[in-house]
C-alpha cells in the first residue's frame, strides 16, 4: 500500500515477497547487531513436553485454515509464490515483533515484553485501514485480534524456545490471504 506502483516486477506477489524478506533481513540484522535478549530463541525448538504441547496447540489453531472448507485451488504460478509470500509475512513480522521488539523490551520483564510487543504488533495492522478503506470498527477489531495473536505467538516462541516455530505459525495463520475462496455477490 505504501508503494503505489510496481517497483520490481509485474509477477504475482514478487514485489511483496522481496519487500518482506528485505524487511525481515533488516530486523534480523538489528537483532544480531544489538544483541537483544531474543537471540536465545534463534535456534531449533526444544523437544520436550512443554514445546510439543505448544506446537500441538499451534497446529490445532492453524488447522482451521486448511480444513475449514474456505480454500481454493490456485494455479502453480500463484500457489508457489503465494506460499513464499506467506512465509515472508511470517518471517518479517516475527523478526520485528518477537525478534526485535520483544527482545528489546524483555529487560523490563518477560510479561511486559509480551504485552507491549503484542500491542505494537497489533498497531502495525492499522495500515490495512487507510484512506477509502478506513472503517473504525474493522480497524479496531483487527488491531485487537492481531494483538491477541501476538500474545499467542510470543507464548509459542517462549514455550518452544524457538522463534522459527512462531514464524511458521504466523505464515500458516495467514494462509487465507492467498488461498481463500473469493465469494462474488
N, C-alpha and C. Protein backbone atom coordinates (compact mmCIF):
# COMPACT_ATOMS: atom_id res chain seq x y z
N UNK A 1 0.81 -1.20 0.00
CA UNK A 1 0.00 0.00 0.00
C UNK A 1 0.85 1.26 0.00
N UNK A 2 2.02 1.18 0.60
CA UNK A 2 2.86 2.38 0.69
C UNK A 2 3.45 2.73 -0.68
N UNK A 3 3.84 1.71 -1.42
CA UNK A 3 4.40 1.94 -2.75
C UNK A 3 3.28 1.73 -3.76
N UNK A 4 2.74 2.80 -4.37
CA UNK A 4 1.56 2.68 -5.22
C UNK A 4 1.84 2.17 -6.64
N UNK A 5 3.06 1.76 -6.87
CA UNK A 5 3.41 1.28 -8.20
C UNK A 5 4.24 0.01 -8.07
N UNK A 6 4.35 -0.72 -9.18
CA UNK A 6 5.16 -1.92 -9.20
C UNK A 6 6.60 -1.48 -9.33
N UNK A 7 7.43 -1.85 -8.37
CA UNK A 7 8.80 -1.35 -8.38
C UNK A 7 9.82 -2.37 -8.83
N UNK A 8 9.44 -3.64 -8.93
CA UNK A 8 10.39 -4.64 -9.39
C UNK A 8 9.86 -5.40 -10.59
N UNK A 9 8.67 -5.96 -10.44
CA UNK A 9 8.15 -6.83 -11.49
C UNK A 9 6.64 -6.90 -11.40
N UNK A 10 6.03 -7.27 -12.49
CA UNK A 10 4.58 -7.48 -12.54
C UNK A 10 4.20 -8.89 -12.10
N UNK A 11 5.20 -9.75 -11.84
CA UNK A 11 4.93 -11.12 -11.42
C UNK A 11 4.10 -11.13 -10.14
N UNK A 12 3.20 -12.10 -10.04
CA UNK A 12 2.31 -12.21 -8.89
C UNK A 12 3.10 -12.34 -7.58
N UNK A 13 2.87 -11.47 -6.63
CA UNK A 13 3.46 -11.46 -5.29
C UNK A 13 4.94 -11.06 -5.24
N UNK A 14 5.63 -10.91 -6.37
CA UNK A 14 7.08 -10.71 -6.34
C UNK A 14 7.49 -9.45 -5.57
N UNK A 15 6.80 -8.34 -5.79
CA UNK A 15 7.14 -7.11 -5.08
C UNK A 15 6.99 -7.29 -3.57
N UNK A 16 5.91 -7.92 -3.16
CA UNK A 16 5.67 -8.14 -1.73
C UNK A 16 6.66 -9.12 -1.14
N UNK A 17 6.99 -10.17 -1.88
CA UNK A 17 7.96 -11.16 -1.40
C UNK A 17 9.29 -10.48 -1.13
N UNK A 18 9.78 -9.74 -2.10
CA UNK A 18 11.07 -9.08 -1.94
C UNK A 18 11.03 -8.06 -0.80
N UNK A 19 9.95 -7.31 -0.71
CA UNK A 19 9.82 -6.31 0.36
C UNK A 19 9.84 -6.95 1.74
N UNK A 20 9.06 -8.02 1.94
CA UNK A 20 9.01 -8.67 3.26
C UNK A 20 10.35 -9.29 3.63
N UNK A 21 11.01 -9.92 2.67
CA UNK A 21 12.30 -10.54 3.01
C UNK A 21 13.39 -9.50 3.27
N UNK A 22 13.33 -8.36 2.61
CA UNK A 22 14.28 -7.28 2.90
C UNK A 22 14.03 -6.75 4.31
N UNK A 23 12.77 -6.51 4.64
CA UNK A 23 12.41 -6.03 5.98
C UNK A 23 12.85 -7.06 7.02
N UNK A 24 12.58 -8.33 6.77
CA UNK A 24 12.97 -9.39 7.71
C UNK A 24 14.48 -9.41 7.92
N UNK A 25 15.23 -9.31 6.84
CA UNK A 25 16.68 -9.32 6.95
C UNK A 25 17.19 -8.11 7.75
N UNK A 26 16.58 -6.96 7.52
CA UNK A 26 16.99 -5.76 8.27
C UNK A 26 16.74 -5.92 9.76
N UNK A 27 15.55 -6.39 10.12
CA UNK A 27 15.23 -6.55 11.55
C UNK A 27 16.04 -7.68 12.17
N UNK A 28 16.25 -8.74 11.44
CA UNK A 28 17.08 -9.83 11.96
C UNK A 28 18.51 -9.34 12.17
N UNK A 29 19.00 -8.54 11.23
CA UNK A 29 20.33 -7.95 11.39
C UNK A 29 20.41 -7.06 12.62
N UNK A 30 19.36 -6.27 12.85
CA UNK A 30 19.34 -5.41 14.04
C UNK A 30 19.35 -6.24 15.32
N UNK A 31 18.62 -7.35 15.32
CA UNK A 31 18.61 -8.23 16.49
C UNK A 31 20.03 -8.70 16.79
N UNK A 32 20.76 -9.12 15.76
CA UNK A 32 22.12 -9.61 15.96
C UNK A 32 23.09 -8.48 16.30
N UNK A 33 22.95 -7.33 15.64
CA UNK A 33 23.85 -6.21 15.91
C UNK A 33 23.65 -5.69 17.34
N UNK A 34 22.40 -5.53 17.75
CA UNK A 34 22.10 -5.03 19.09
C UNK A 34 22.30 -6.10 20.17
N UNK A 35 22.31 -7.37 19.75
CA UNK A 35 22.48 -8.45 20.71
C UNK A 35 21.35 -8.53 21.73
N UNK A 36 20.12 -8.33 21.27
CA UNK A 36 18.98 -8.29 22.19
C UNK A 36 18.69 -9.67 22.78
N UNK A 37 17.93 -9.66 23.86
CA UNK A 37 17.64 -10.88 24.62
C UNK A 37 16.98 -11.99 23.81
N UNK A 38 16.30 -11.64 22.75
CA UNK A 38 15.59 -12.67 21.98
C UNK A 38 16.53 -13.55 21.16
N UNK A 39 17.81 -13.24 21.14
CA UNK A 39 18.77 -14.08 20.40
C UNK A 39 18.75 -15.54 20.87
N UNK A 40 18.40 -15.76 22.12
CA UNK A 40 18.36 -17.12 22.63
C UNK A 40 17.28 -17.96 21.95
N UNK A 41 16.34 -17.31 21.24
CA UNK A 41 15.26 -18.03 20.55
C UNK A 41 15.58 -18.29 19.08
N UNK A 42 16.73 -17.89 18.63
CA UNK A 42 17.12 -18.09 17.23
C UNK A 42 17.81 -19.45 17.08
N UNK A 43 17.03 -20.49 17.31
CA UNK A 43 17.54 -21.86 17.21
C UNK A 43 16.36 -22.78 16.95
N UNK A 44 16.65 -24.04 16.73
CA UNK A 44 15.59 -25.02 16.54
C UNK A 44 14.84 -25.21 17.85
N UNK A 45 13.58 -25.62 17.78
CA UNK A 45 12.81 -25.78 19.01
C UNK A 45 13.32 -26.94 19.87
N UNK A 46 13.17 -26.78 21.17
CA UNK A 46 13.46 -27.87 22.08
C UNK A 46 12.35 -28.90 21.94
N UNK A 47 12.68 -30.14 22.13
CA UNK A 47 11.66 -31.18 22.08
C UNK A 47 11.46 -31.73 23.49
N UNK A 48 10.49 -31.17 24.16
CA UNK A 48 10.10 -31.63 25.48
C UNK A 48 8.57 -31.52 25.56
N UNK A 49 8.00 -31.92 26.66
CA UNK A 49 6.55 -31.94 26.78
C UNK A 49 5.94 -30.55 26.59
N UNK A 50 6.60 -29.55 27.14
CA UNK A 50 6.09 -28.18 27.03
C UNK A 50 6.09 -27.68 25.59
N UNK A 51 7.18 -27.89 24.86
CA UNK A 51 7.26 -27.40 23.49
C UNK A 51 6.37 -28.21 22.55
N UNK A 52 6.27 -29.50 22.79
CA UNK A 52 5.40 -30.34 21.95
C UNK A 52 3.94 -29.94 22.18
N UNK A 53 3.58 -29.61 23.40
CA UNK A 53 2.23 -29.12 23.69
C UNK A 53 1.98 -27.81 22.95
N UNK A 54 2.93 -26.88 23.01
CA UNK A 54 2.79 -25.60 22.33
C UNK A 54 2.66 -25.79 20.82
N UNK A 55 3.48 -26.66 20.25
CA UNK A 55 3.39 -26.91 18.81
C UNK A 55 2.07 -27.58 18.44
N UNK A 56 1.57 -28.45 19.31
CA UNK A 56 0.28 -29.11 19.05
C UNK A 56 -0.86 -28.10 19.09
N UNK A 57 -0.83 -27.20 20.05
CA UNK A 57 -1.86 -26.15 20.13
C UNK A 57 -1.77 -25.24 18.89
N UNK A 58 -0.56 -24.88 18.50
CA UNK A 58 -0.39 -24.04 17.31
C UNK A 58 -0.92 -24.75 16.07
N UNK A 59 -0.62 -26.04 15.94
CA UNK A 59 -1.10 -26.82 14.79
C UNK A 59 -2.63 -26.88 14.78
N UNK A 60 -3.22 -27.06 15.96
CA UNK A 60 -4.69 -27.10 16.04
C UNK A 60 -5.29 -25.75 15.65
N UNK A 61 -4.64 -24.66 16.04
CA UNK A 61 -5.15 -23.33 15.72
C UNK A 61 -5.09 -23.04 14.22
N UNK A 62 -4.01 -23.46 13.56
CA UNK A 62 -3.91 -23.17 12.12
C UNK A 62 -4.66 -24.19 11.26
N UNK A 63 -5.04 -25.32 11.84
CA UNK A 63 -5.70 -26.35 11.04
C UNK A 63 -7.01 -25.87 10.43
N UNK A 64 -7.67 -24.91 11.08
CA UNK A 64 -8.90 -24.38 10.51
C UNK A 64 -8.66 -23.71 9.16
N UNK A 65 -7.44 -23.21 8.95
CA UNK A 65 -7.12 -22.59 7.66
C UNK A 65 -7.15 -23.63 6.54
N UNK A 66 -6.89 -24.88 6.87
CA UNK A 66 -6.79 -25.92 5.86
C UNK A 66 -8.05 -26.77 5.76
N UNK A 67 -8.75 -26.94 6.86
CA UNK A 67 -9.88 -27.86 6.89
C UNK A 67 -11.22 -27.16 7.03
N UNK A 68 -11.22 -25.84 6.97
CA UNK A 68 -12.46 -25.08 7.13
C UNK A 68 -13.30 -24.99 5.87
N UNK A 69 -12.82 -25.53 4.76
CA UNK A 69 -13.59 -25.51 3.52
C UNK A 69 -13.59 -24.17 2.80
N UNK A 70 -12.70 -23.28 3.19
CA UNK A 70 -12.66 -21.96 2.55
C UNK A 70 -11.51 -21.82 1.56
N UNK A 71 -10.75 -22.89 1.35
CA UNK A 71 -9.60 -22.83 0.45
C UNK A 71 -10.02 -23.02 -0.99
N UNK A 72 -9.21 -22.48 -1.86
CA UNK A 72 -9.45 -22.59 -3.29
C UNK A 72 -8.15 -23.03 -3.95
N UNK A 73 -8.25 -23.98 -4.85
CA UNK A 73 -7.06 -24.40 -5.60
C UNK A 73 -6.59 -23.23 -6.46
N UNK A 74 -5.32 -22.98 -6.42
CA UNK A 74 -4.72 -21.91 -7.23
C UNK A 74 -3.75 -22.55 -8.20
N UNK A 75 -3.56 -21.96 -9.36
CA UNK A 75 -2.54 -22.49 -10.28
C UNK A 75 -1.16 -22.37 -9.64
N UNK A 76 -0.23 -23.23 -10.07
CA UNK A 76 1.12 -23.23 -9.51
C UNK A 76 1.76 -21.86 -9.58
N UNK A 77 1.45 -21.10 -10.65
CA UNK A 77 2.05 -19.77 -10.82
C UNK A 77 1.60 -18.79 -9.75
N UNK A 78 0.51 -19.11 -9.05
CA UNK A 78 0.04 -18.28 -7.93
C UNK A 78 0.37 -18.96 -6.60
N UNK A 79 0.21 -20.28 -6.54
CA UNK A 79 0.38 -21.00 -5.27
C UNK A 79 1.82 -20.95 -4.76
N UNK A 80 2.79 -21.22 -5.61
CA UNK A 80 4.18 -21.25 -5.16
C UNK A 80 4.65 -19.88 -4.69
N UNK A 81 4.48 -18.82 -5.51
CA UNK A 81 4.87 -17.50 -4.99
C UNK A 81 4.01 -17.09 -3.79
N UNK A 82 2.76 -17.55 -3.75
CA UNK A 82 1.88 -17.23 -2.62
C UNK A 82 2.41 -17.80 -1.32
N UNK A 83 2.88 -19.05 -1.33
CA UNK A 83 3.43 -19.67 -0.12
C UNK A 83 4.72 -18.97 0.28
N UNK A 84 5.56 -18.64 -0.69
CA UNK A 84 6.80 -17.90 -0.39
C UNK A 84 6.47 -16.55 0.22
N UNK A 85 5.42 -15.90 -0.30
CA UNK A 85 4.95 -14.63 0.24
C UNK A 85 4.46 -14.79 1.68
N UNK A 86 3.69 -15.84 1.96
CA UNK A 86 3.17 -16.06 3.31
C UNK A 86 4.31 -16.26 4.31
N UNK A 87 5.33 -17.01 3.91
CA UNK A 87 6.47 -17.18 4.81
C UNK A 87 7.25 -15.89 4.95
N UNK A 88 7.22 -15.03 3.94
CA UNK A 88 7.84 -13.71 4.05
C UNK A 88 7.12 -12.85 5.07
N UNK A 89 5.78 -12.92 5.07
CA UNK A 89 5.00 -12.18 6.07
C UNK A 89 5.37 -12.67 7.47
N UNK A 90 5.31 -13.99 7.65
CA UNK A 90 5.64 -14.55 8.96
C UNK A 90 7.05 -14.19 9.40
N UNK A 91 7.99 -14.32 8.49
CA UNK A 91 9.40 -14.03 8.79
C UNK A 91 9.58 -12.55 9.14
N UNK A 92 9.05 -11.67 8.30
CA UNK A 92 9.24 -10.23 8.51
C UNK A 92 8.58 -9.72 9.78
N UNK A 93 7.31 -10.08 9.97
CA UNK A 93 6.59 -9.57 11.13
C UNK A 93 7.09 -10.18 12.44
N UNK A 94 7.50 -11.43 12.40
CA UNK A 94 8.04 -12.05 13.62
C UNK A 94 9.42 -11.51 13.96
N UNK A 95 10.25 -11.24 12.97
CA UNK A 95 11.57 -10.67 13.25
C UNK A 95 11.42 -9.31 13.91
N UNK A 96 10.44 -8.52 13.46
CA UNK A 96 10.23 -7.22 14.08
C UNK A 96 9.59 -7.36 15.46
N UNK A 97 8.47 -8.06 15.53
CA UNK A 97 7.69 -8.10 16.77
C UNK A 97 8.31 -8.96 17.86
N UNK A 98 8.60 -10.21 17.54
CA UNK A 98 9.16 -11.12 18.55
C UNK A 98 10.67 -11.02 18.61
N UNK A 99 11.33 -10.83 17.48
CA UNK A 99 12.78 -10.74 17.49
C UNK A 99 13.27 -9.44 18.08
N UNK A 100 12.90 -8.32 17.48
CA UNK A 100 13.43 -7.02 17.89
C UNK A 100 12.66 -6.42 19.07
N UNK A 101 11.35 -6.21 18.92
CA UNK A 101 10.58 -5.53 19.98
C UNK A 101 10.58 -6.33 21.28
N UNK A 102 10.21 -7.61 21.21
CA UNK A 102 10.20 -8.44 22.41
C UNK A 102 11.59 -8.48 23.03
N UNK A 103 12.60 -8.67 22.20
CA UNK A 103 13.97 -8.76 22.71
C UNK A 103 14.44 -7.49 23.39
N UNK A 104 14.07 -6.34 22.85
CA UNK A 104 14.49 -5.07 23.45
C UNK A 104 13.69 -4.75 24.71
N UNK A 105 12.44 -5.19 24.74
CA UNK A 105 11.58 -4.89 25.90
C UNK A 105 11.73 -5.90 27.03
N UNK A 106 12.38 -6.99 26.79
CA UNK A 106 12.47 -8.06 27.78
C UNK A 106 13.20 -7.63 29.05
N UNK A 107 14.05 -6.63 28.96
CA UNK A 107 14.76 -6.15 30.16
C UNK A 107 13.79 -5.54 31.17
N UNK A 108 12.57 -5.23 30.74
CA UNK A 108 11.54 -4.70 31.64
C UNK A 108 10.64 -5.81 32.17
N UNK A 109 11.01 -7.05 31.92
CA UNK A 109 10.23 -8.20 32.38
C UNK A 109 9.59 -8.91 31.20
N UNK A 110 9.54 -10.21 31.30
CA UNK A 110 9.01 -11.00 30.19
C UNK A 110 7.53 -10.70 29.92
N UNK A 111 6.74 -10.55 30.97
CA UNK A 111 5.32 -10.24 30.78
C UNK A 111 5.14 -8.90 30.07
N UNK A 112 5.88 -7.89 30.49
CA UNK A 112 5.80 -6.58 29.83
C UNK A 112 6.24 -6.68 28.37
N UNK A 113 7.28 -7.45 28.12
CA UNK A 113 7.76 -7.62 26.74
C UNK A 113 6.69 -8.28 25.87
N UNK A 114 6.02 -9.29 26.41
CA UNK A 114 4.96 -9.96 25.66
C UNK A 114 3.83 -8.97 25.36
N UNK A 115 3.39 -8.26 26.38
CA UNK A 115 2.25 -7.35 26.21
C UNK A 115 2.58 -6.21 25.25
N UNK A 116 3.67 -5.52 25.49
CA UNK A 116 3.96 -4.33 24.67
C UNK A 116 4.40 -4.68 23.25
N UNK A 117 5.12 -5.79 23.06
CA UNK A 117 5.46 -6.18 21.69
C UNK A 117 4.20 -6.63 20.94
N UNK A 118 3.24 -7.19 21.65
CA UNK A 118 1.98 -7.60 21.02
C UNK A 118 1.10 -6.40 20.69
N UNK A 119 1.12 -5.38 21.54
CA UNK A 119 0.39 -4.14 21.24
C UNK A 119 0.97 -3.49 19.99
N UNK A 120 2.29 -3.43 19.93
CA UNK A 120 2.95 -2.86 18.74
C UNK A 120 2.60 -3.68 17.51
N UNK A 121 2.63 -5.01 17.63
CA UNK A 121 2.27 -5.89 16.53
C UNK A 121 0.83 -5.62 16.08
N UNK A 122 -0.08 -5.46 17.02
CA UNK A 122 -1.47 -5.17 16.67
C UNK A 122 -1.59 -3.84 15.94
N UNK A 123 -0.91 -2.82 16.43
CA UNK A 123 -0.98 -1.49 15.80
C UNK A 123 -0.38 -1.48 14.40
N UNK A 124 0.56 -2.38 14.13
CA UNK A 124 1.12 -2.47 12.78
C UNK A 124 0.06 -2.79 11.74
N UNK A 125 -1.02 -3.42 12.17
CA UNK A 125 -2.06 -3.84 11.24
C UNK A 125 -3.06 -2.73 10.91
N UNK A 126 -2.85 -1.55 11.46
CA UNK A 126 -3.69 -0.41 11.08
C UNK A 126 -3.46 0.00 9.63
N UNK A 127 -2.32 -0.38 9.06
CA UNK A 127 -2.01 0.01 7.68
C UNK A 127 -3.03 -0.53 6.68
N UNK A 128 -3.79 -1.53 7.08
CA UNK A 128 -4.81 -2.08 6.18
C UNK A 128 -6.04 -1.18 6.09
N UNK A 129 -6.13 -0.22 6.99
CA UNK A 129 -7.32 0.63 7.06
C UNK A 129 -6.95 2.09 6.89
N UNK A 130 -6.50 2.43 5.72
CA UNK A 130 -6.14 3.81 5.42
C UNK A 130 -6.97 4.31 4.26
N UNK A 131 -7.09 5.61 4.17
CA UNK A 131 -7.79 6.22 3.05
C UNK A 131 -9.23 5.75 2.94
N UNK A 132 -9.64 5.37 1.75
CA UNK A 132 -11.03 4.97 1.50
C UNK A 132 -11.41 3.67 2.19
N UNK A 133 -10.42 2.89 2.64
CA UNK A 133 -10.68 1.62 3.33
C UNK A 133 -10.89 1.80 4.83
N UNK A 134 -10.87 3.03 5.31
CA UNK A 134 -10.98 3.27 6.74
C UNK A 134 -12.40 2.97 7.23
N UNK A 135 -12.46 2.12 8.23
CA UNK A 135 -13.71 1.88 8.96
C UNK A 135 -13.29 1.56 10.39
N UNK A 136 -13.75 2.36 11.32
CA UNK A 136 -13.30 2.29 12.70
C UNK A 136 -13.46 0.90 13.30
N UNK A 137 -14.62 0.29 13.19
CA UNK A 137 -14.84 -0.99 13.84
C UNK A 137 -13.94 -2.08 13.25
N UNK A 138 -13.78 -2.12 11.93
CA UNK A 138 -12.89 -3.11 11.32
C UNK A 138 -11.45 -2.91 11.77
N UNK A 139 -11.02 -1.65 11.83
CA UNK A 139 -9.65 -1.35 12.27
C UNK A 139 -9.47 -1.76 13.72
N UNK A 140 -10.42 -1.40 14.57
CA UNK A 140 -10.35 -1.73 15.99
C UNK A 140 -10.30 -3.24 16.19
N UNK A 141 -11.19 -3.98 15.56
CA UNK A 141 -11.23 -5.43 15.76
C UNK A 141 -9.98 -6.12 15.21
N UNK A 142 -9.44 -5.61 14.10
CA UNK A 142 -8.23 -6.21 13.54
C UNK A 142 -7.02 -5.95 14.45
N UNK A 143 -6.92 -4.76 14.98
CA UNK A 143 -5.81 -4.43 15.88
C UNK A 143 -5.89 -5.30 17.15
N UNK A 144 -7.09 -5.44 17.71
CA UNK A 144 -7.27 -6.26 18.91
C UNK A 144 -6.94 -7.72 18.62
N UNK A 145 -7.49 -8.27 17.52
CA UNK A 145 -7.24 -9.68 17.21
C UNK A 145 -5.76 -9.90 16.87
N UNK A 146 -5.12 -8.94 16.22
CA UNK A 146 -3.69 -9.07 15.93
C UNK A 146 -2.87 -9.01 17.22
N UNK A 147 -3.27 -8.16 18.15
CA UNK A 147 -2.58 -8.09 19.43
C UNK A 147 -2.69 -9.40 20.20
N UNK A 148 -3.87 -10.00 20.19
CA UNK A 148 -4.07 -11.29 20.84
C UNK A 148 -3.22 -12.36 20.15
N UNK A 149 -3.20 -12.31 18.82
CA UNK A 149 -2.36 -13.23 18.06
C UNK A 149 -0.89 -13.06 18.48
N UNK A 150 -0.47 -11.82 18.69
CA UNK A 150 0.90 -11.54 19.11
C UNK A 150 1.24 -12.17 20.45
N UNK A 151 0.29 -12.13 21.38
CA UNK A 151 0.50 -12.77 22.68
C UNK A 151 0.67 -14.28 22.49
N UNK A 152 -0.18 -14.88 21.66
CA UNK A 152 -0.10 -16.32 21.41
C UNK A 152 1.23 -16.67 20.74
N UNK A 153 1.63 -15.90 19.73
CA UNK A 153 2.89 -16.16 19.04
C UNK A 153 4.08 -16.03 19.99
N UNK A 154 4.03 -15.05 20.87
CA UNK A 154 5.12 -14.88 21.85
C UNK A 154 5.17 -16.08 22.80
N UNK A 155 4.02 -16.53 23.24
CA UNK A 155 3.99 -17.69 24.13
C UNK A 155 4.51 -18.94 23.43
N UNK A 156 4.16 -19.10 22.16
CA UNK A 156 4.67 -20.26 21.39
C UNK A 156 6.18 -20.18 21.28
N UNK A 157 6.69 -18.98 21.01
CA UNK A 157 8.14 -18.80 20.92
C UNK A 157 8.82 -19.15 22.25
N UNK A 158 8.26 -18.67 23.33
CA UNK A 158 8.85 -18.90 24.65
C UNK A 158 8.78 -20.39 25.02
N UNK A 159 7.65 -21.01 24.78
CA UNK A 159 7.48 -22.41 25.18
C UNK A 159 8.32 -23.37 24.34
N UNK A 160 8.52 -23.04 23.06
CA UNK A 160 9.32 -23.92 22.20
C UNK A 160 10.79 -23.52 22.21
N UNK A 161 11.08 -22.33 22.77
CA UNK A 161 12.44 -21.79 22.80
C UNK A 161 12.96 -21.51 21.39
N UNK A 162 12.03 -21.24 20.45
CA UNK A 162 12.42 -21.01 19.05
C UNK A 162 11.50 -20.01 18.38
N UNK A 163 12.09 -18.98 17.80
CA UNK A 163 11.30 -18.01 17.04
C UNK A 163 10.79 -18.62 15.74
N UNK A 164 11.46 -19.65 15.26
CA UNK A 164 11.11 -20.25 13.97
C UNK A 164 9.74 -20.93 14.01
N UNK A 165 9.35 -21.45 15.15
CA UNK A 165 8.01 -22.03 15.28
C UNK A 165 6.97 -20.93 15.15
N UNK A 166 7.24 -19.77 15.72
CA UNK A 166 6.33 -18.62 15.59
C UNK A 166 6.25 -18.13 14.15
N UNK A 167 7.38 -18.15 13.45
CA UNK A 167 7.39 -17.74 12.05
C UNK A 167 6.49 -18.66 11.23
N UNK A 168 6.62 -19.96 11.42
CA UNK A 168 5.79 -20.93 10.69
C UNK A 168 4.33 -20.80 11.10
N UNK A 169 4.08 -20.67 12.40
CA UNK A 169 2.71 -20.48 12.90
C UNK A 169 2.09 -19.24 12.26
N UNK A 170 2.83 -18.16 12.20
CA UNK A 170 2.35 -16.91 11.62
C UNK A 170 2.04 -17.09 10.13
N UNK A 171 2.96 -17.69 9.42
CA UNK A 171 2.76 -17.89 7.97
C UNK A 171 1.52 -18.74 7.70
N UNK A 172 1.37 -19.81 8.43
CA UNK A 172 0.22 -20.69 8.20
C UNK A 172 -1.09 -20.06 8.66
N UNK A 173 -1.03 -19.20 9.66
CA UNK A 173 -2.23 -18.49 10.12
C UNK A 173 -2.74 -17.52 9.06
N UNK A 174 -1.85 -17.03 8.21
CA UNK A 174 -2.22 -16.10 7.14
C UNK A 174 -2.59 -16.81 5.83
N UNK A 175 -2.74 -18.11 5.86
CA UNK A 175 -2.99 -18.91 4.67
C UNK A 175 -4.12 -18.35 3.82
N UNK A 176 -5.16 -17.85 4.46
CA UNK A 176 -6.33 -17.34 3.76
C UNK A 176 -6.00 -16.17 2.83
N UNK A 177 -4.95 -15.45 3.11
CA UNK A 177 -4.60 -14.28 2.29
C UNK A 177 -4.42 -14.68 0.83
N UNK A 178 -3.85 -15.84 0.62
CA UNK A 178 -3.59 -16.31 -0.74
C UNK A 178 -4.66 -17.30 -1.22
N UNK A 179 -5.10 -18.18 -0.34
CA UNK A 179 -5.89 -19.34 -0.78
C UNK A 179 -7.37 -19.30 -0.46
N UNK A 180 -7.86 -18.24 0.15
CA UNK A 180 -9.28 -18.20 0.48
C UNK A 180 -10.13 -18.03 -0.78
N UNK A 181 -11.24 -18.75 -0.81
CA UNK A 181 -12.18 -18.61 -1.93
C UNK A 181 -12.72 -17.20 -1.96
N UNK A 182 -12.80 -16.65 -3.15
CA UNK A 182 -13.40 -15.33 -3.32
C UNK A 182 -14.87 -15.56 -3.65
N UNK A 183 -15.72 -15.06 -2.78
CA UNK A 183 -17.17 -15.22 -2.99
C UNK A 183 -17.68 -13.95 -3.63
N UNK A 184 -18.26 -14.11 -4.82
CA UNK A 184 -18.75 -12.96 -5.57
C UNK A 184 -20.23 -12.77 -5.27
N UNK A 185 -20.59 -11.53 -5.03
CA UNK A 185 -22.01 -11.20 -4.73
C UNK A 185 -22.86 -11.26 -5.97
